[in-house]
N, C-alpha and C. Protein backbone atom coordinates (compact mmCIF):
# COMPACT_ATOMS: atom_id res chain seq x y z
N MET A 1 99.34 101.10 95.51
CA MET A 1 98.98 102.39 94.98
C MET A 1 97.71 102.87 95.69
N ASP A 2 97.67 104.13 96.03
CA ASP A 2 96.51 104.70 96.72
C ASP A 2 95.26 104.61 95.85
N ASP A 3 94.11 104.40 96.47
CA ASP A 3 92.84 104.33 95.74
C ASP A 3 92.56 105.62 94.97
N ILE A 4 92.88 106.76 95.58
CA ILE A 4 92.62 108.04 94.91
C ILE A 4 93.45 108.14 93.62
N VAL A 5 94.65 107.56 93.63
CA VAL A 5 95.50 107.56 92.43
C VAL A 5 94.88 106.66 91.36
N LYS A 6 94.39 105.49 91.76
CA LYS A 6 93.74 104.59 90.81
C LYS A 6 92.52 105.24 90.17
N GLN A 7 91.76 105.98 90.96
CA GLN A 7 90.58 106.67 90.44
C GLN A 7 90.98 107.75 89.44
N ALA A 8 92.05 108.49 89.75
CA ALA A 8 92.52 109.53 88.83
C ALA A 8 93.01 108.93 87.53
N LEU A 9 93.67 107.79 87.60
CA LEU A 9 94.14 107.11 86.39
C LEU A 9 92.97 106.71 85.50
N ALA A 10 91.90 106.22 86.13
CA ALA A 10 90.72 105.81 85.36
C ALA A 10 90.03 107.02 84.73
N LYS A 11 90.01 108.13 85.46
CA LYS A 11 89.31 109.32 84.98
C LYS A 11 90.10 110.05 83.89
N TRP A 12 91.44 110.10 84.02
CA TRP A 12 92.31 110.80 83.06
C TRP A 12 93.42 109.86 82.62
N PRO A 13 93.16 108.95 81.70
CA PRO A 13 94.15 107.93 81.35
C PRO A 13 95.31 108.41 80.47
N ASN A 14 95.20 109.55 79.83
CA ASN A 14 96.22 109.95 78.85
C ASN A 14 97.00 111.20 79.24
N VAL A 15 97.29 111.38 80.53
CA VAL A 15 98.07 112.53 80.98
C VAL A 15 99.54 112.26 80.64
N PRO A 16 100.25 113.23 80.05
CA PRO A 16 101.65 113.00 79.68
C PRO A 16 102.54 112.76 80.91
N ASN A 17 103.58 111.97 80.71
CA ASN A 17 104.54 111.71 81.77
C ASN A 17 105.39 112.95 82.04
N CYS A 18 105.97 113.00 83.22
CA CYS A 18 106.79 114.12 83.65
C CYS A 18 108.21 113.61 83.89
N TYR A 19 109.20 114.30 83.34
CA TYR A 19 110.60 113.88 83.45
C TYR A 19 111.46 114.99 84.04
N GLY A 20 112.41 114.60 84.90
CA GLY A 20 113.41 115.53 85.41
C GLY A 20 113.01 116.31 86.64
N TRP A 21 111.77 116.21 87.08
CA TRP A 21 111.26 117.06 88.16
C TRP A 21 111.43 116.49 89.56
N LEU A 22 111.80 115.21 89.69
CA LEU A 22 111.92 114.60 91.00
C LEU A 22 113.20 113.78 91.05
N GLY A 23 113.95 113.93 92.15
CA GLY A 23 115.19 113.18 92.32
C GLY A 23 115.23 112.48 93.66
N LEU A 24 115.92 111.35 93.70
CA LEU A 24 116.13 110.58 94.93
C LEU A 24 117.64 110.50 95.16
N ASP A 25 118.11 111.06 96.28
CA ASP A 25 119.56 111.05 96.52
C ASP A 25 120.02 109.78 97.22
N ALA A 26 121.30 109.68 97.47
CA ALA A 26 121.91 108.48 98.04
C ALA A 26 121.58 108.28 99.52
N ARG A 27 120.87 109.22 100.12
CA ARG A 27 120.47 109.10 101.52
C ARG A 27 118.96 108.89 101.64
N GLY A 28 118.29 108.72 100.50
CA GLY A 28 116.85 108.47 100.53
C GLY A 28 116.00 109.71 100.64
N HIS A 29 116.58 110.87 100.30
CA HIS A 29 115.83 112.13 100.33
C HIS A 29 115.30 112.45 98.94
N TRP A 30 114.10 113.00 98.92
CA TRP A 30 113.46 113.40 97.67
C TRP A 30 113.74 114.89 97.40
N TYR A 31 113.98 115.21 96.13
CA TYR A 31 114.24 116.60 95.74
C TYR A 31 113.32 116.99 94.59
N LEU A 32 112.68 118.16 94.74
CA LEU A 32 111.88 118.74 93.66
C LEU A 32 112.80 119.59 92.81
N ARG A 33 112.80 119.33 91.50
CA ARG A 33 113.72 119.98 90.59
C ARG A 33 112.94 120.85 89.60
N ASP A 34 112.82 122.12 89.92
CA ASP A 34 112.09 123.03 89.04
C ASP A 34 112.92 123.33 87.79
N ASP A 35 112.41 124.19 86.93
CA ASP A 35 113.10 124.53 85.68
C ASP A 35 114.53 125.02 85.93
N GLN A 36 114.69 125.85 86.96
CA GLN A 36 116.01 126.42 87.27
C GLN A 36 116.98 125.33 87.70
N ALA A 37 116.55 124.40 88.54
CA ALA A 37 117.42 123.30 88.97
C ALA A 37 117.80 122.41 87.79
N GLN A 38 116.84 122.15 86.91
CA GLN A 38 117.12 121.31 85.75
C GLN A 38 118.09 122.00 84.80
N ALA A 39 117.94 123.32 84.62
CA ALA A 39 118.83 124.07 83.73
C ALA A 39 120.25 124.14 84.28
N ALA A 40 120.40 124.03 85.61
CA ALA A 40 121.72 124.12 86.25
C ALA A 40 122.53 122.84 86.10
N GLY A 41 121.89 121.75 85.66
CA GLY A 41 122.64 120.52 85.44
C GLY A 41 121.84 119.29 85.84
N PRO A 42 122.39 118.12 85.52
CA PRO A 42 121.69 116.87 85.83
C PRO A 42 121.71 116.57 87.33
N PHE A 43 120.82 115.72 87.74
CA PHE A 43 120.79 115.24 89.13
C PHE A 43 121.90 114.22 89.30
N PRO A 44 122.66 114.22 90.36
CA PRO A 44 122.56 115.03 91.56
C PRO A 44 123.43 116.29 91.56
N GLN A 45 124.10 116.58 90.44
CA GLN A 45 124.91 117.80 90.37
C GLN A 45 124.07 118.99 90.79
N SER A 46 122.85 119.06 90.29
CA SER A 46 121.90 120.10 90.66
C SER A 46 120.69 119.38 91.27
N LYS A 47 120.63 119.39 92.59
CA LYS A 47 119.60 118.61 93.27
C LYS A 47 118.23 119.27 93.26
N GLY A 48 118.17 120.57 93.46
CA GLY A 48 116.87 121.23 93.58
C GLY A 48 116.53 121.44 95.04
N SER A 49 115.24 121.43 95.36
CA SER A 49 114.76 121.72 96.72
C SER A 49 114.42 120.43 97.45
N LEU A 50 114.98 120.27 98.65
CA LEU A 50 114.70 119.11 99.48
C LEU A 50 113.23 119.11 99.90
N LEU A 51 112.54 118.01 99.64
CA LEU A 51 111.15 117.89 100.11
C LEU A 51 111.16 117.60 101.60
N GLN A 52 110.36 118.35 102.35
CA GLN A 52 110.31 118.17 103.79
C GLN A 52 108.90 117.96 104.31
N HIS A 53 107.91 118.08 103.46
CA HIS A 53 106.52 117.91 103.88
C HIS A 53 106.26 116.42 104.10
N GLU A 54 106.04 116.03 105.35
CA GLU A 54 105.94 114.62 105.72
C GLU A 54 104.85 113.88 104.96
N LYS A 55 103.68 114.47 104.82
CA LYS A 55 102.57 113.78 104.14
C LYS A 55 102.86 113.60 102.65
N LEU A 56 103.51 114.58 102.03
CA LEU A 56 103.88 114.46 100.62
C LEU A 56 104.91 113.34 100.44
N ILE A 57 105.90 113.28 101.33
CA ILE A 57 106.92 112.23 101.26
C ILE A 57 106.27 110.86 101.43
N GLU A 58 105.32 110.73 102.35
CA GLU A 58 104.62 109.46 102.55
C GLU A 58 103.81 109.09 101.31
N PHE A 59 103.17 110.08 100.67
CA PHE A 59 102.38 109.84 99.45
C PHE A 59 103.29 109.34 98.32
N ILE A 60 104.44 109.99 98.16
CA ILE A 60 105.39 109.55 97.14
C ILE A 60 105.83 108.12 97.43
N ALA A 61 106.16 107.83 98.68
CA ALA A 61 106.64 106.50 99.05
C ALA A 61 105.61 105.42 98.74
N ARG A 62 104.34 105.69 98.98
CA ARG A 62 103.30 104.69 98.72
C ARG A 62 103.06 104.47 97.23
N ASN A 63 103.46 105.40 96.41
CA ASN A 63 103.15 105.35 94.98
C ASN A 63 104.42 105.36 94.12
N PHE A 64 105.50 104.78 94.65
CA PHE A 64 106.80 104.72 94.00
C PHE A 64 107.01 103.30 93.47
N GLU A 65 107.22 103.18 92.16
CA GLU A 65 107.39 101.86 91.56
C GLU A 65 108.07 101.98 90.20
N PRO A 66 108.52 100.85 89.63
CA PRO A 66 109.16 100.90 88.31
C PRO A 66 108.17 100.62 87.18
N ASP A 67 108.51 101.11 86.01
CA ASP A 67 107.75 100.72 84.83
C ASP A 67 108.42 99.47 84.23
N GLY A 68 107.94 99.02 83.11
CA GLY A 68 108.47 97.81 82.47
C GLY A 68 109.87 97.96 81.91
N GLN A 69 110.39 99.19 81.87
CA GLN A 69 111.74 99.43 81.34
C GLN A 69 112.76 99.71 82.43
N GLY A 70 112.36 99.56 83.72
CA GLY A 70 113.28 99.81 84.82
C GLY A 70 113.42 101.26 85.21
N GLN A 71 112.50 102.09 84.73
CA GLN A 71 112.49 103.50 85.10
C GLN A 71 111.55 103.65 86.29
N TRP A 72 112.06 104.23 87.37
CA TRP A 72 111.26 104.40 88.58
C TRP A 72 110.48 105.70 88.52
N PHE A 73 109.26 105.64 89.02
CA PHE A 73 108.40 106.82 88.98
C PHE A 73 107.53 106.88 90.22
N PHE A 74 106.96 108.05 90.42
CA PHE A 74 105.97 108.31 91.45
C PHE A 74 104.67 108.58 90.69
N GLN A 75 103.64 107.79 90.98
CA GLN A 75 102.35 107.97 90.31
C GLN A 75 101.60 109.07 91.06
N ASN A 76 101.57 110.25 90.47
CA ASN A 76 100.94 111.42 91.06
C ASN A 76 99.58 111.62 90.40
N GLY A 77 98.56 110.99 90.96
CA GLY A 77 97.25 111.02 90.31
C GLY A 77 97.38 110.34 88.97
N PRO A 78 96.94 110.98 87.90
CA PRO A 78 97.02 110.34 86.58
C PRO A 78 98.38 110.47 85.91
N GLN A 79 99.32 111.17 86.54
CA GLN A 79 100.60 111.44 85.89
C GLN A 79 101.75 110.68 86.54
N ARG A 80 102.58 110.08 85.69
CA ARG A 80 103.82 109.46 86.17
C ARG A 80 104.91 110.52 86.22
N VAL A 81 105.49 110.66 87.40
CA VAL A 81 106.62 111.58 87.57
C VAL A 81 107.86 110.71 87.73
N TYR A 82 108.66 110.64 86.67
CA TYR A 82 109.84 109.79 86.67
C TYR A 82 110.93 110.37 87.57
N VAL A 83 111.65 109.48 88.25
CA VAL A 83 112.60 109.86 89.29
C VAL A 83 114.05 109.71 88.80
N GLU A 84 114.82 110.76 88.99
CA GLU A 84 116.25 110.74 88.73
C GLU A 84 116.92 110.13 89.97
N LEU A 85 117.79 109.15 89.77
CA LEU A 85 118.43 108.46 90.88
C LEU A 85 119.89 108.87 91.02
N GLU A 86 120.31 109.12 92.25
CA GLU A 86 121.73 109.38 92.48
C GLU A 86 122.51 108.07 92.52
N ALA A 87 121.90 107.02 93.08
CA ALA A 87 122.63 105.76 93.23
C ALA A 87 121.80 104.56 92.80
N THR A 88 120.72 104.27 93.49
CA THR A 88 119.88 103.10 93.25
C THR A 88 118.43 103.48 93.54
N PRO A 89 117.48 102.64 93.14
CA PRO A 89 116.07 102.96 93.43
C PRO A 89 115.70 102.79 94.90
N TRP A 90 116.51 102.06 95.64
CA TRP A 90 116.24 101.86 97.07
C TRP A 90 117.42 102.38 97.88
N VAL A 91 117.12 102.95 99.03
CA VAL A 91 118.13 103.30 100.02
C VAL A 91 117.72 102.56 101.28
N TRP A 92 118.62 101.69 101.74
CA TRP A 92 118.31 100.82 102.88
C TRP A 92 118.80 101.42 104.19
N ARG A 93 117.96 101.27 105.22
CA ARG A 93 118.34 101.57 106.60
C ARG A 93 118.41 100.23 107.33
N ILE A 94 119.49 100.02 108.07
CA ILE A 94 119.70 98.77 108.79
C ILE A 94 119.29 99.00 110.24
N GLN A 95 118.50 98.08 110.75
CA GLN A 95 118.03 98.17 112.14
C GLN A 95 119.02 97.42 113.05
N ALA A 96 118.90 97.60 114.35
CA ALA A 96 119.81 96.98 115.32
C ALA A 96 119.80 95.45 115.23
N ASP A 97 118.66 94.87 114.82
CA ASP A 97 118.57 93.41 114.67
C ASP A 97 118.96 92.94 113.27
N PHE A 98 119.54 93.83 112.48
CA PHE A 98 119.97 93.59 111.10
C PHE A 98 118.82 93.45 110.11
N SER A 99 117.60 93.77 110.52
CA SER A 99 116.51 93.82 109.54
C SER A 99 116.73 95.07 108.69
N VAL A 100 116.11 95.09 107.53
CA VAL A 100 116.35 96.14 106.54
C VAL A 100 115.02 96.81 106.19
N VAL A 101 115.04 98.15 106.16
CA VAL A 101 113.87 98.94 105.81
C VAL A 101 114.28 99.95 104.74
N SER A 102 113.45 100.11 103.72
CA SER A 102 113.77 101.04 102.63
C SER A 102 113.44 102.48 103.02
N HIS A 103 113.89 103.40 102.20
CA HIS A 103 113.58 104.82 102.39
C HIS A 103 112.07 105.08 102.30
N THR A 104 111.32 104.12 101.73
CA THR A 104 109.87 104.28 101.66
C THR A 104 109.16 103.64 102.86
N GLY A 105 109.93 102.98 103.72
CA GLY A 105 109.35 102.37 104.91
C GLY A 105 109.01 100.90 104.78
N SER A 106 109.27 100.30 103.63
CA SER A 106 108.95 98.88 103.45
C SER A 106 110.13 98.01 103.88
N GLY A 107 109.81 96.89 104.52
CA GLY A 107 110.84 95.94 104.93
C GLY A 107 111.26 95.07 103.78
N ALA A 108 112.45 94.49 103.91
CA ALA A 108 112.98 93.61 102.86
C ALA A 108 113.92 92.59 103.48
N ALA A 109 114.00 91.42 102.82
CA ALA A 109 114.92 90.37 103.25
C ALA A 109 116.15 90.41 102.36
N VAL A 110 117.32 90.46 102.96
CA VAL A 110 118.58 90.57 102.23
C VAL A 110 118.90 89.26 101.54
N GLN A 111 119.27 89.38 100.26
CA GLN A 111 119.75 88.22 99.49
C GLN A 111 121.26 88.24 99.37
N ASP A 112 121.81 89.41 98.98
CA ASP A 112 123.26 89.54 98.81
C ASP A 112 123.74 90.88 99.33
N CYS A 113 125.01 90.92 99.70
CA CYS A 113 125.67 92.13 100.15
C CYS A 113 126.79 92.42 99.14
N LEU A 114 126.83 93.64 98.62
CA LEU A 114 127.80 94.03 97.61
C LEU A 114 128.58 95.25 98.09
N VAL A 115 129.84 95.34 97.67
CA VAL A 115 130.67 96.50 98.02
C VAL A 115 131.40 96.95 96.76
N ASP A 116 131.35 98.28 96.49
CA ASP A 116 132.04 98.78 95.30
C ASP A 116 133.44 99.30 95.67
N ALA A 117 134.16 99.78 94.68
CA ALA A 117 135.54 100.22 94.86
C ALA A 117 135.66 101.41 95.80
N GLN A 118 134.60 102.20 95.94
CA GLN A 118 134.61 103.35 96.86
C GLN A 118 134.19 102.96 98.27
N GLY A 119 133.88 101.68 98.49
CA GLY A 119 133.46 101.22 99.81
C GLY A 119 131.98 101.37 100.08
N ARG A 120 131.21 101.75 99.08
CA ARG A 120 129.76 101.85 99.26
C ARG A 120 129.18 100.44 99.31
N VAL A 121 128.20 100.27 100.19
CA VAL A 121 127.60 98.95 100.41
C VAL A 121 126.19 98.94 99.83
N TYR A 122 125.88 97.87 99.10
CA TYR A 122 124.57 97.67 98.49
C TYR A 122 124.01 96.34 98.99
N LEU A 123 122.72 96.27 99.13
CA LEU A 123 122.05 95.02 99.47
C LEU A 123 121.05 94.71 98.39
N THR A 124 120.98 93.45 98.00
CA THR A 124 119.95 93.03 97.04
C THR A 124 118.85 92.32 97.82
N THR A 125 117.62 92.51 97.34
CA THR A 125 116.43 91.92 97.95
C THR A 125 115.50 91.53 96.82
N ALA A 126 114.36 90.96 97.16
CA ALA A 126 113.36 90.64 96.14
C ALA A 126 112.86 91.91 95.45
N GLN A 127 112.91 93.06 96.13
CA GLN A 127 112.46 94.33 95.54
C GLN A 127 113.50 94.91 94.58
N GLY A 128 114.76 94.48 94.71
CA GLY A 128 115.82 95.00 93.87
C GLY A 128 117.03 95.37 94.70
N VAL A 129 117.92 96.12 94.08
CA VAL A 129 119.16 96.52 94.74
C VAL A 129 119.00 97.91 95.34
N GLY A 130 119.67 98.11 96.47
CA GLY A 130 119.64 99.42 97.11
C GLY A 130 120.95 99.72 97.79
N LEU A 131 121.23 100.98 97.92
CA LEU A 131 122.41 101.46 98.61
C LEU A 131 122.12 101.51 100.11
N VAL A 132 123.07 101.07 100.92
CA VAL A 132 122.93 101.20 102.37
C VAL A 132 123.24 102.64 102.75
N HIS A 133 122.39 103.24 103.56
CA HIS A 133 122.60 104.60 104.05
C HIS A 133 123.97 104.67 104.74
N THR A 134 124.71 105.73 104.50
CA THR A 134 126.07 105.84 105.04
C THR A 134 126.12 105.71 106.56
N LEU A 135 125.10 106.16 107.25
CA LEU A 135 125.10 106.06 108.71
C LEU A 135 124.99 104.63 109.21
N ASP A 136 124.57 103.71 108.33
CA ASP A 136 124.34 102.33 108.74
C ASP A 136 125.45 101.36 108.34
N VAL A 137 126.51 101.87 107.73
CA VAL A 137 127.61 101.00 107.33
C VAL A 137 128.23 100.28 108.54
N PRO A 138 128.36 100.92 109.72
CA PRO A 138 128.87 100.16 110.88
C PRO A 138 127.99 98.94 111.23
N LEU A 139 126.69 99.03 111.05
CA LEU A 139 125.82 97.88 111.30
C LEU A 139 126.06 96.78 110.26
N VAL A 140 126.36 97.17 109.04
CA VAL A 140 126.70 96.18 108.02
C VAL A 140 127.97 95.44 108.44
N ALA A 141 128.95 96.19 108.94
CA ALA A 141 130.19 95.56 109.40
C ALA A 141 129.90 94.55 110.51
N GLU A 142 129.00 94.90 111.43
CA GLU A 142 128.61 93.96 112.49
C GLU A 142 127.96 92.71 111.90
N ALA A 143 127.08 92.90 110.91
CA ALA A 143 126.41 91.76 110.28
C ALA A 143 127.41 90.86 109.57
N VAL A 144 128.40 91.46 108.94
CA VAL A 144 129.44 90.68 108.26
C VAL A 144 130.25 89.91 109.29
N GLU A 145 130.66 90.59 110.36
CA GLU A 145 131.44 89.92 111.42
C GLU A 145 130.65 88.78 112.06
N ALA A 146 129.33 88.93 112.13
CA ALA A 146 128.47 87.89 112.71
C ALA A 146 128.19 86.76 111.72
N GLY A 147 128.67 86.91 110.49
CA GLY A 147 128.47 85.87 109.48
C GLY A 147 127.11 85.89 108.82
N ARG A 148 126.36 86.97 108.99
CA ARG A 148 125.03 87.06 108.38
C ARG A 148 125.10 87.40 106.89
N TRP A 149 126.06 88.25 106.52
CA TRP A 149 126.21 88.68 105.13
C TRP A 149 127.67 88.50 104.71
N LEU A 150 127.86 88.10 103.46
CA LEU A 150 129.20 87.93 102.90
C LEU A 150 129.35 88.93 101.75
N PRO A 151 130.14 90.00 101.94
CA PRO A 151 130.27 91.02 100.90
C PRO A 151 130.94 90.47 99.63
N GLN A 152 130.41 90.90 98.50
CA GLN A 152 130.97 90.54 97.19
C GLN A 152 131.31 91.84 96.46
N ALA A 153 132.39 91.84 95.74
CA ALA A 153 132.81 93.03 94.99
C ALA A 153 131.86 93.28 93.82
N VAL A 154 131.60 94.54 93.57
CA VAL A 154 130.75 94.94 92.44
C VAL A 154 131.25 96.28 91.91
N ARG A 155 131.05 96.50 90.64
CA ARG A 155 131.35 97.80 90.05
C ARG A 155 130.05 98.60 90.05
N ALA A 156 130.07 99.77 90.65
CA ALA A 156 128.86 100.59 90.76
C ALA A 156 128.24 100.86 89.39
N GLU A 157 129.08 101.06 88.38
CA GLU A 157 128.55 101.36 87.04
C GLU A 157 127.84 100.17 86.41
N ASP A 158 128.06 98.97 86.95
CA ASP A 158 127.38 97.78 86.43
C ASP A 158 126.01 97.54 87.04
N LEU A 159 125.71 98.21 88.15
CA LEU A 159 124.47 97.94 88.87
C LEU A 159 123.20 98.18 88.04
N PRO A 160 123.07 99.30 87.32
CA PRO A 160 121.84 99.49 86.55
C PRO A 160 121.55 98.37 85.56
N GLY A 161 122.55 97.96 84.80
CA GLY A 161 122.35 96.88 83.84
C GLY A 161 122.10 95.54 84.50
N ARG A 162 122.84 95.28 85.55
CA ARG A 162 122.73 94.00 86.25
C ARG A 162 121.38 93.84 86.97
N TYR A 163 120.87 94.96 87.51
CA TYR A 163 119.63 94.89 88.29
C TYR A 163 118.45 95.58 87.61
N GLY A 164 118.63 95.99 86.38
CA GLY A 164 117.52 96.46 85.56
C GLY A 164 116.85 97.75 86.00
N PHE A 165 117.66 98.77 86.32
CA PHE A 165 117.06 100.07 86.63
C PHE A 165 117.75 101.17 85.84
N VAL A 166 117.04 102.26 85.63
CA VAL A 166 117.53 103.39 84.85
C VAL A 166 117.83 104.54 85.81
N MET A 167 119.07 105.03 85.77
CA MET A 167 119.47 106.13 86.65
C MET A 167 118.77 107.44 86.29
N SER A 168 118.66 107.73 84.99
CA SER A 168 118.10 109.01 84.56
C SER A 168 117.05 108.80 83.47
N PRO A 169 115.79 108.61 83.87
CA PRO A 169 114.74 108.51 82.86
C PRO A 169 114.65 109.75 81.97
N SER A 170 114.97 110.93 82.52
CA SER A 170 114.89 112.15 81.70
C SER A 170 115.93 112.13 80.59
N SER A 171 117.13 111.61 80.86
CA SER A 171 118.16 111.51 79.81
C SER A 171 117.73 110.52 78.74
N ARG A 172 117.15 109.41 79.17
CA ARG A 172 116.67 108.41 78.21
C ARG A 172 115.54 109.01 77.35
N TRP A 173 114.62 109.70 77.99
CA TRP A 173 113.49 110.33 77.29
C TRP A 173 114.00 111.37 76.30
N ALA A 174 114.97 112.21 76.73
CA ALA A 174 115.51 113.24 75.84
C ALA A 174 116.21 112.61 74.64
N ALA A 175 116.96 111.53 74.88
CA ALA A 175 117.66 110.85 73.78
C ALA A 175 116.67 110.27 72.78
N GLN A 176 115.58 109.70 73.29
CA GLN A 176 114.56 109.13 72.40
C GLN A 176 113.85 110.23 71.62
N ALA A 177 113.63 111.37 72.26
CA ALA A 177 112.94 112.48 71.59
C ALA A 177 113.80 113.07 70.48
N GLN A 178 115.14 112.99 70.63
CA GLN A 178 116.04 113.56 69.63
C GLN A 178 116.43 112.55 68.55
N ALA A 179 116.10 111.29 68.76
CA ALA A 179 116.46 110.26 67.77
C ALA A 179 115.72 110.53 66.46
N PRO A 180 116.45 110.43 65.35
CA PRO A 180 115.78 110.67 64.07
C PRO A 180 114.73 109.58 63.82
N THR A 181 113.64 110.01 63.25
CA THR A 181 112.60 109.04 62.92
C THR A 181 112.83 108.57 61.49
N LYS A 182 112.58 107.33 61.28
CA LYS A 182 112.75 106.72 59.98
C LYS A 182 111.49 106.98 59.15
N ALA A 183 111.70 107.39 57.94
CA ALA A 183 110.56 107.64 57.05
C ALA A 183 109.84 106.32 56.77
N PRO A 184 108.52 106.35 56.75
CA PRO A 184 107.81 105.11 56.50
C PRO A 184 108.10 104.58 55.10
N SER A 185 108.20 103.30 54.99
CA SER A 185 108.44 102.71 53.67
C SER A 185 107.12 102.64 52.92
N VAL A 186 107.22 102.80 51.63
CA VAL A 186 106.04 102.74 50.79
C VAL A 186 106.12 101.43 49.99
N SER A 187 105.07 100.66 50.06
CA SER A 187 105.07 99.42 49.30
C SER A 187 104.15 99.57 48.11
N GLY A 188 104.33 98.68 47.17
CA GLY A 188 103.48 98.72 45.98
C GLY A 188 104.20 99.32 44.82
N PRO A 189 103.54 99.43 43.69
CA PRO A 189 104.19 99.94 42.48
C PRO A 189 104.50 101.43 42.60
N HIS A 190 105.63 101.83 42.04
CA HIS A 190 106.02 103.23 42.04
C HIS A 190 105.85 103.77 40.64
N PRO A 191 105.42 105.00 40.52
CA PRO A 191 105.25 105.57 39.17
C PRO A 191 106.55 105.79 38.45
């Protein structure tokens, strides 16, 4: 986490969290989702505006992490901006030597290779599970042919539970906000 972010957290510790405003698509692109994009539907049905400012993208990448409930966020100064995911919290790019780099630029060592019914390829690492960028699937095939990775079948809908991540923190937040609250119990003698 950037030092300036740590300083902002110390200075303003109680800034409310932000939900629904940032999305990560299956190609590792970030999308800003204003009120209009959010009203048009959930991510990725309504993506919003593609972020293209290189320094902003780098800032998000350096400050992207999960909370204790598997919800991924970008720490924007004192505020957590929770991220809507199209597929997984990581999008992997495969290099010519079969090394793996995330959409945030961090390297990772592959533990397992997974393939779902639609032919999408996922790699698990110590950082978690991520979708392989569609342009890199031919490199995955080369790695499999070379005996480096052994694909295992997986159901895409099982990935969040199996690997502990939340696809839509805004949906979870909205559901919790609408949940009825239980009236406090009163103990002691009643009149």
